[in-house]
Amino acid sequence: MANEEDTILTARYLIEDNENEYVFYDENIKSDLTIVKSILKKLIGNLPAWDEAEIRKLHDEITDVLKMSNS
């Protein structure tokens, strides 16, 4: 997430009941995991299924970038 406000709004979107006409704010509210997963799937979309070689390549690229930034 780009900033904390976006993170909080997304979390609220995942948890709060969108069928209510009003907003009942409760930072301790919980939601059914199945519903949260469904909403996340819609927000994120399909993720690629990587094989072992692709994972290794990505890991190596990230490692190289991190090494360069620490130099």
PDB file of N, CA and C in Angstrom:
ATOM      1  N   MET A   1       0.840  -1.174   0.000  1.00  0.00           N
ATOM      2  CA  MET A   1       0.000   0.000   0.000  1.00  0.00           C
ATOM      3  C   MET A   1       0.889   1.243   0.000  1.00  0.00           C
ATOM      4  N   ALA A   2       0.403   2.259  -0.658  1.00  0.00           N
ATOM      5  CA  ALA A   2       1.182   3.483  -0.814  1.00  0.00           C
ATOM      6  C   ALA A   2       1.331   4.256   0.495  1.00  0.00           C
ATOM      7  N   ASN A   3       0.300   4.255   1.307  1.00  0.00           N
ATOM      8  CA  ASN A   3       0.391   4.987   2.570  1.00  0.00           C
ATOM      9  C   ASN A   3      -0.541   4.363   3.603  1.00  0.00           C
ATOM     10  N   GLU A   4      -0.436   4.855   4.817  1.00  0.00           N
ATOM     11  CA  GLU A   4      -1.201   4.265   5.914  1.00  0.00           C
ATOM     12  C   GLU A   4      -2.703   4.453   5.728  1.00  0.00           C
ATOM     13  N   GLU A   5      -3.111   5.597   5.183  1.00  0.00           N
ATOM     14  CA  GLU A   5      -4.541   5.841   4.977  1.00  0.00           C
ATOM     15  C   GLU A   5      -5.140   4.826   4.001  1.00  0.00           C
ATOM     16  N   ASP A   6      -4.419   4.520   2.912  1.00  0.00           N
ATOM     17  CA  ASP A   6      -4.898   3.508   1.963  1.00  0.00           C
ATOM     18  C   ASP A   6      -5.010   2.144   2.624  1.00  0.00           C
ATOM     19  N   THR A   7      -4.058   1.828   3.469  1.00  0.00           N
ATOM     20  CA  THR A   7      -4.063   0.551   4.182  1.00  0.00           C
ATOM     21  C   THR A   7      -5.283   0.438   5.092  1.00  0.00           C
ATOM     22  N   ILE A   8      -5.556   1.507   5.825  1.00  0.00           N
ATOM     23  CA  ILE A   8      -6.700   1.503   6.739  1.00  0.00           C
ATOM     24  C   ILE A   8      -8.011   1.411   5.960  1.00  0.00           C
ATOM     25  N   LEU A   9      -8.129   2.164   4.871  1.00  0.00           N
ATOM     26  CA  LEU A   9      -9.356   2.121   4.074  1.00  0.00           C
ATOM     27  C   LEU A   9      -9.578   0.738   3.470  1.00  0.00           C
ATOM     28  N   THR A  10      -8.505   0.107   3.003  1.00  0.00           N
ATOM     29  CA  THR A  10      -8.629  -1.243   2.450  1.00  0.00           C
ATOM     30  C   THR A  10      -9.054  -2.227   3.531  1.00  0.00           C
ATOM     31  N   ALA A  11      -8.451  -2.126   4.709  1.00  0.00           N
ATOM     32  CA  ALA A  11      -8.820  -3.013   5.816  1.00  0.00           C
ATOM     33  C   ALA A  11     -10.287  -2.829   6.182  1.00  0.00           C
ATOM     34  N   ARG A  12     -10.740  -1.586   6.230  1.00  0.00           N
ATOM     35  CA  ARG A  12     -12.145  -1.335   6.540  1.00  0.00           C
ATOM     36  C   ARG A  12     -13.047  -1.910   5.459  1.00  0.00           C
ATOM     37  N   TYR A  13     -12.630  -1.764   4.187  1.00  0.00           N
ATOM     38  CA  TYR A  13     -13.414  -2.302   3.073  1.00  0.00           C
ATOM     39  C   TYR A  13     -13.555  -3.816   3.186  1.00  0.00           C
ATOM     40  N   LEU A  14     -12.499  -4.473   3.645  1.00  0.00           N
ATOM     41  CA  LEU A  14     -12.522  -5.929   3.775  1.00  0.00           C
ATOM     42  C   LEU A  14     -13.438  -6.390   4.902  1.00  0.00           C
ATOM     43  N   ILE A  15     -13.533  -5.625   5.955  1.00  0.00           N
ATOM     44  CA  ILE A  15     -14.187  -6.078   7.179  1.00  0.00           C
ATOM     45  C   ILE A  15     -15.616  -5.562   7.336  1.00  0.00           C
ATOM     46  N   GLU A  16     -15.829  -4.279   7.025  1.00  0.00           N
ATOM     47  CA  GLU A  16     -17.128  -3.678   7.316  1.00  0.00           C
ATOM     48  C   GLU A  16     -18.230  -4.227   6.407  1.00  0.00           C
ATOM     49  N   ASP A  17     -19.418  -4.294   6.945  1.00  0.00           N
ATOM     50  CA  ASP A  17     -20.587  -4.763   6.210  1.00  0.00           C
ATOM     51  C   ASP A  17     -21.040  -3.665   5.257  1.00  0.00           C
ATOM     52  N   ASN A  18     -20.997  -3.933   3.969  1.00  0.00           N
ATOM     53  CA  ASN A  18     -21.348  -2.901   2.996  1.00  0.00           C
ATOM     54  C   ASN A  18     -22.852  -2.818   2.744  1.00  0.00           C
ATOM     55  N   GLU A  19     -23.641  -3.603   3.454  1.00  0.00           N
ATOM     56  CA  GLU A  19     -25.091  -3.557   3.271  1.00  0.00           C
ATOM     57  C   GLU A  19     -25.761  -2.605   4.257  1.00  0.00           C
ATOM     58  N   ASN A  20     -25.001  -2.132   5.239  1.00  0.00           N
ATOM     59  CA  ASN A  20     -25.558  -1.160   6.181  1.00  0.00           C
ATOM     60  C   ASN A  20     -25.592   0.215   5.536  1.00  0.00           C
ATOM     61  N   GLU A  21     -26.607   1.011   5.879  1.00  0.00           N
ATOM     62  CA  GLU A  21     -26.700   2.371   5.354  1.00  0.00           C
ATOM     63  C   GLU A  21     -25.820   3.327   6.150  1.00  0.00           C
ATOM     64  N   TYR A  22     -25.293   2.888   7.241  1.00  0.00           N
ATOM     65  CA  TYR A  22     -24.469   3.736   8.097  1.00  0.00           C
ATOM     66  C   TYR A  22     -23.152   3.028   8.376  1.00  0.00           C
ATOM     67  N   VAL A  23     -22.178   3.781   8.842  1.00  0.00           N
ATOM     68  CA  VAL A  23     -20.879   3.214   9.183  1.00  0.00           C
ATOM     69  C   VAL A  23     -20.800   3.085  10.689  1.00  0.00           C
ATOM     70  N   PHE A  24     -20.566   1.882  11.141  1.00  0.00           N
ATOM     71  CA  PHE A  24     -20.352   1.614  12.560  1.00  0.00           C
ATOM     72  C   PHE A  24     -18.880   1.287  12.729  1.00  0.00           C
ATOM     73  N   TYR A  25     -18.104   2.260  13.223  1.00  0.00           N
ATOM     74  CA  TYR A  25     -16.662   2.063  13.337  1.00  0.00           C
ATOM     75  C   TYR A  25     -16.327   1.316  14.623  1.00  0.00           C
ATOM     76  N   ASP A  26     -15.649   0.198  14.459  1.00  0.00           N
ATOM     77  CA  ASP A  26     -15.156  -0.593  15.587  1.00  0.00           C
ATOM     78  C   ASP A  26     -13.843  -1.211  15.144  1.00  0.00           C
ATOM     79  N   GLU A  27     -12.743  -0.736  15.707  1.00  0.00           N
ATOM     80  CA  GLU A  27     -11.441  -1.230  15.256  1.00  0.00           C
ATOM     81  C   GLU A  27     -11.186  -2.682  15.638  1.00  0.00           C
ATOM     82  N   ASN A  28     -12.045  -3.245  16.455  1.00  0.00           N
ATOM     83  CA  ASN A  28     -11.896  -4.645  16.858  1.00  0.00           C
ATOM     84  C   ASN A  28     -12.858  -5.573  16.115  1.00  0.00           C
ATOM     85  N   ILE A  29     -13.578  -5.041  15.130  1.00  0.00           N
ATOM     86  CA  ILE A  29     -14.557  -5.847  14.401  1.00  0.00           C
ATOM     87  C   ILE A  29     -13.852  -6.956  13.619  1.00  0.00           C
ATOM     88  N   LYS A  30     -14.521  -8.055  13.448  1.00  0.00           N
ATOM     89  CA  LYS A  30     -13.981  -9.197  12.707  1.00  0.00           C
ATOM     90  C   LYS A  30     -14.941  -9.572  11.603  1.00  0.00           C
ATOM     91  N   SER A  31     -14.424 -10.300  10.618  1.00  0.00           N
ATOM     92  CA  SER A  31     -15.266 -10.751   9.522  1.00  0.00           C
ATOM     93  C   SER A  31     -14.910 -12.193   9.201  1.00  0.00           C
ATOM     94  N   ASP A  32     -15.814 -12.856   8.515  1.00  0.00           N
ATOM     95  CA  ASP A  32     -15.598 -14.235   8.096  1.00  0.00           C
ATOM     96  C   ASP A  32     -14.432 -14.283   7.108  1.00  0.00           C
ATOM     97  N   LEU A  33     -13.497 -15.175   7.328  1.00  0.00           N
ATOM     98  CA  LEU A  33     -12.309 -15.292   6.489  1.00  0.00           C
ATOM     99  C   LEU A  33     -12.662 -15.554   5.028  1.00  0.00           C
ATOM    100  N   THR A  34     -13.708 -16.302   4.780  1.00  0.00           N
ATOM    101  CA  THR A  34     -14.134 -16.592   3.409  1.00  0.00           C
ATOM    102  C   THR A  34     -14.522 -15.306   2.677  1.00  0.00           C
ATOM    103  N   ILE A  35     -15.208 -14.416   3.364  1.00  0.00           N
ATOM    104  CA  ILE A  35     -15.610 -13.143   2.765  1.00  0.00           C
ATOM    105  C   ILE A  35     -14.381 -12.284   2.475  1.00  0.00           C
ATOM    106  N   VAL A  36     -13.467 -12.214   3.432  1.00  0.00           N
ATOM    107  CA  VAL A  36     -12.244 -11.422   3.251  1.00  0.00           C
ATOM    108  C   VAL A  36     -11.443 -11.952   2.069  1.00  0.00           C
ATOM    109  N   LYS A  37     -11.291 -13.263   1.970  1.00  0.00           N
ATOM    110  CA  LYS A  37     -10.554 -13.855   0.846  1.00  0.00           C
ATOM    111  C   LYS A  37     -11.229 -13.523  -0.486  1.00  0.00           C
ATOM    112  N   SER A  38     -12.542 -13.586  -0.522  1.00  0.00           N
ATOM    113  CA  SER A  38     -13.274 -13.291  -1.744  1.00  0.00           C
ATOM    114  C   SER A  38     -13.044 -11.844  -2.184  1.00  0.00           C
ATOM    115  N   ILE A  39     -13.115 -10.919  -1.248  1.00  0.00           N
ATOM    116  CA  ILE A  39     -12.899  -9.505  -1.572  1.00  0.00           C
ATOM    117  C   ILE A  39     -11.466  -9.276  -2.028  1.00  0.00           C
ATOM    118  N   LEU A  40     -10.506  -9.905  -1.349  1.00  0.00           N
ATOM    119  CA  LEU A  40      -9.104  -9.755  -1.744  1.00  0.00           C
ATOM    120  C   LEU A  40      -8.867 -10.279  -3.157  1.00  0.00           C
ATOM    121  N   LYS A  41      -9.494 -11.391  -3.497  1.00  0.00           N
ATOM    122  CA  LYS A  41      -9.357 -11.935  -4.851  1.00  0.00           C
ATOM    123  C   LYS A  41      -9.844 -10.931  -5.891  1.00  0.00           C
ATOM    124  N   LYS A  42     -10.931 -10.243  -5.586  1.00  0.00           N
ATOM    125  CA  LYS A  42     -11.457  -9.240  -6.511  1.00  0.00           C
ATOM    126  C   LYS A  42     -10.527  -8.026  -6.595  1.00  0.00           C
ATOM    127  N   LEU A  43      -9.961  -7.625  -5.459  1.00  0.00           N
ATOM    128  CA  LEU A  43      -9.064  -6.466  -5.439  1.00  0.00           C
ATOM    129  C   LEU A  43      -7.742  -6.739  -6.156  1.00  0.00           C
ATOM    130  N   ILE A  44      -7.169  -7.901  -5.905  1.00  0.00           N
ATOM    131  CA  ILE A  44      -5.837  -8.227  -6.414  1.00  0.00           C
ATOM    132  C   ILE A  44      -5.890  -8.823  -7.809  1.00  0.00           C
ATOM    133  N   GLY A  45      -6.885  -9.645  -8.064  1.00  0.00           N
ATOM    134  CA  GLY A  45      -6.954 -10.339  -9.345  1.00  0.00           C
ATOM    135  C   GLY A  45      -6.168 -11.635  -9.279  1.00  0.00           C
ATOM    136  N   ASN A  46      -5.975 -12.245 -10.426  1.00  0.00           N
ATOM    137  CA  ASN A  46      -5.249 -13.513 -10.477  1.00  0.00           C
ATOM    138  C   ASN A  46      -3.753 -13.286 -10.322  1.00  0.00           C
ATOM    139  N   LEU A  47      -3.135 -14.102  -9.519  1.00  0.00           N
ATOM    140  CA  LEU A  47      -1.686 -14.052  -9.341  1.00  0.00           C
ATOM    141  C   LEU A  47      -1.055 -15.150 -10.191  1.00  0.00           C
ATOM    142  N   PRO A  48       0.120 -14.875 -10.713  1.00  0.00           N
ATOM    143  CA  PRO A  48       0.773 -15.893 -11.543  1.00  0.00           C
ATOM    144  C   PRO A  48       1.198 -17.099 -10.712  1.00  0.00           C
ATOM    145  N   ALA A  49       1.152 -18.242 -11.317  1.00  0.00           N
ATOM    146  CA  ALA A  49       1.647 -19.471 -10.680  1.00  0.00           C
ATOM    147  C   ALA A  49       3.082 -19.663 -11.158  1.00  0.00           C
ATOM    148  N   TRP A  50       4.038 -19.454 -10.268  1.00  0.00           N
ATOM    149  CA  TRP A  50       5.445 -19.530 -10.626  1.00  0.00           C
ATOM    150  C   TRP A  50       5.998 -20.921 -10.368  1.00  0.00           C
ATOM    151  N   ASP A  51       6.869 -21.355 -11.270  1.00  0.00           N
ATOM    152  CA  ASP A  51       7.556 -22.612 -11.016  1.00  0.00           C
ATOM    153  C   ASP A  51       8.847 -22.320 -10.251  1.00  0.00           C
ATOM    154  N   GLU A  52       9.543 -23.352  -9.856  1.00  0.00           N
ATOM    155  CA  GLU A  52      10.741 -23.212  -9.014  1.00  0.00           C
ATOM    156  C   GLU A  52      11.814 -22.341  -9.679  1.00  0.00           C
ATOM    157  N   ALA A  53      11.990 -22.491 -10.989  1.00  0.00           N
ATOM    158  CA  ALA A  53      13.013 -21.710 -11.700  1.00  0.00           C
ATOM    159  C   ALA A  53      12.675 -20.218 -11.684  1.00  0.00           C
ATOM    160  N   GLU A  54      11.391 -19.880 -11.854  1.00  0.00           N
ATOM    161  CA  GLU A  54      10.982 -18.481 -11.828  1.00  0.00           C
ATOM    162  C   GLU A  54      11.159 -17.879 -10.434  1.00  0.00           C
ATOM    163  N   ILE A  55      10.853 -18.663  -9.418  1.00  0.00           N
ATOM    164  CA  ILE A  55      11.028 -18.200  -8.038  1.00  0.00           C
ATOM    165  C   ILE A  55      12.503 -17.947  -7.760  1.00  0.00           C
ATOM    166  N   ARG A  56      13.370 -18.843  -8.171  1.00  0.00           N
ATOM    167  CA  ARG A  56      14.807 -18.690  -7.969  1.00  0.00           C
ATOM    168  C   ARG A  56      15.323 -17.441  -8.692  1.00  0.00           C
ATOM    169  N   LYS A  57      14.872 -17.228  -9.945  1.00  0.00           N
ATOM    170  CA  LYS A  57      15.295 -16.069 -10.730  1.00  0.00           C
ATOM    171  C   LYS A  57      14.868 -14.778 -10.043  1.00  0.00           C
ATOM    172  N   LEU A  58      13.632 -14.726  -9.591  1.00  0.00           N
ATOM    173  CA  LEU A  58      13.127 -13.547  -8.899  1.00  0.00           C
ATOM    174  C   LEU A  58      13.908 -13.302  -7.608  1.00  0.00           C
ATOM    175  N   HIS A  59      14.167 -14.357  -6.864  1.00  0.00           N
ATOM    176  CA  HIS A  59      14.942 -14.244  -5.631  1.00  0.00           C
ATOM    177  C   HIS A  59      16.323 -13.681  -5.919  1.00  0.00           C
ATOM    178  N   ASP A  60      16.970 -14.180  -6.964  1.00  0.00           N
ATOM    179  CA  ASP A  60      18.311 -13.701  -7.329  1.00  0.00           C
ATOM    180  C   ASP A  60      18.282 -12.229  -7.738  1.00  0.00           C
ATOM    181  N   GLU A  61      17.263 -11.827  -8.495  1.00  0.00           N
ATOM    182  CA  GLU A  61      17.150 -10.431  -8.914  1.00  0.00           C
ATOM    183  C   GLU A  61      16.944  -9.509  -7.720  1.00  0.00           C
ATOM    184  N   ILE A  62      16.092  -9.910  -6.796  1.00  0.00           N
ATOM    185  CA  ILE A  62      15.856  -9.103  -5.595  1.00  0.00           C
ATOM    186  C   ILE A  62      17.120  -9.020  -4.759  1.00  0.00           C
ATOM    187  N   THR A  63      17.828 -10.138  -4.627  1.00  0.00           N
ATOM    188  CA  THR A  63      19.075 -10.156  -3.868  1.00  0.00           C
ATOM    189  C   THR A  63      20.083  -9.205  -4.481  1.00  0.00           C
ATOM    190  N   ASP A  64      20.189  -9.197  -5.795  1.00  0.00           N
ATOM    191  CA  ASP A  64      21.131  -8.291  -6.487  1.00  0.00           C
ATOM    192  C   ASP A  64      20.783  -6.830  -6.231  1.00  0.00           C
ATOM    193  N   VAL A  65      19.502  -6.505  -6.297  1.00  0.00           N
ATOM    194  CA  VAL A  65      19.064  -5.127  -6.059  1.00  0.00           C
ATOM    195  C   VAL A  65      19.380  -4.708  -4.635  1.00  0.00           C
ATOM    196  N   LEU A  66      19.113  -5.602  -3.678  1.00  0.00           N
ATOM    197  CA  LEU A  66      19.391  -5.276  -2.283  1.00  0.00           C
ATOM    198  C   LEU A  66      20.885  -5.110  -2.028  1.00  0.00           C
ATOM    199  N   LYS A  67      21.693  -5.940  -2.650  1.00  0.00           N
ATOM    200  CA  LYS A  67      23.137  -5.800  -2.497  1.00  0.00           C
ATOM    201  C   LYS A  67      23.631  -4.475  -3.059  1.00  0.00           C
ATOM    202  N   MET A  68      23.082  -4.065  -4.217  1.00  0.00           N
ATOM    203  CA  MET A  68      23.487  -2.798  -4.824  1.00  0.00           C
ATOM    204  C   MET A  68      23.060  -1.624  -3.954  1.00  0.00           C
ATOM    205  N   SER A  69      21.894  -1.697  -3.342  1.00  0.00           N
ATOM    206  CA  SER A  69      21.422  -0.583  -2.508  1.00  0.00           C
ATOM    207  C   SER A  69      22.192  -0.486  -1.197  1.00  0.00           C
ATOM    208  N   ASN A  70      22.787  -1.574  -0.746  1.00  0.00           N
ATOM    209  CA  ASN A  70      23.573  -1.557   0.487  1.00  0.00           C
ATOM    210  C   ASN A  70      25.019  -1.134   0.261  1.00  0.00           C
ATOM    211  N   SER A  71      25.425  -1.057  -0.995  1.00  0.00           N
ATOM    212  CA  SER A  71      26.817  -0.693  -1.310  1.00  0.00           C
ATOM    213  C   SER A  71      27.038   0.796  -1.264  1.00  0.00           C
TER     214      SER A  71
END
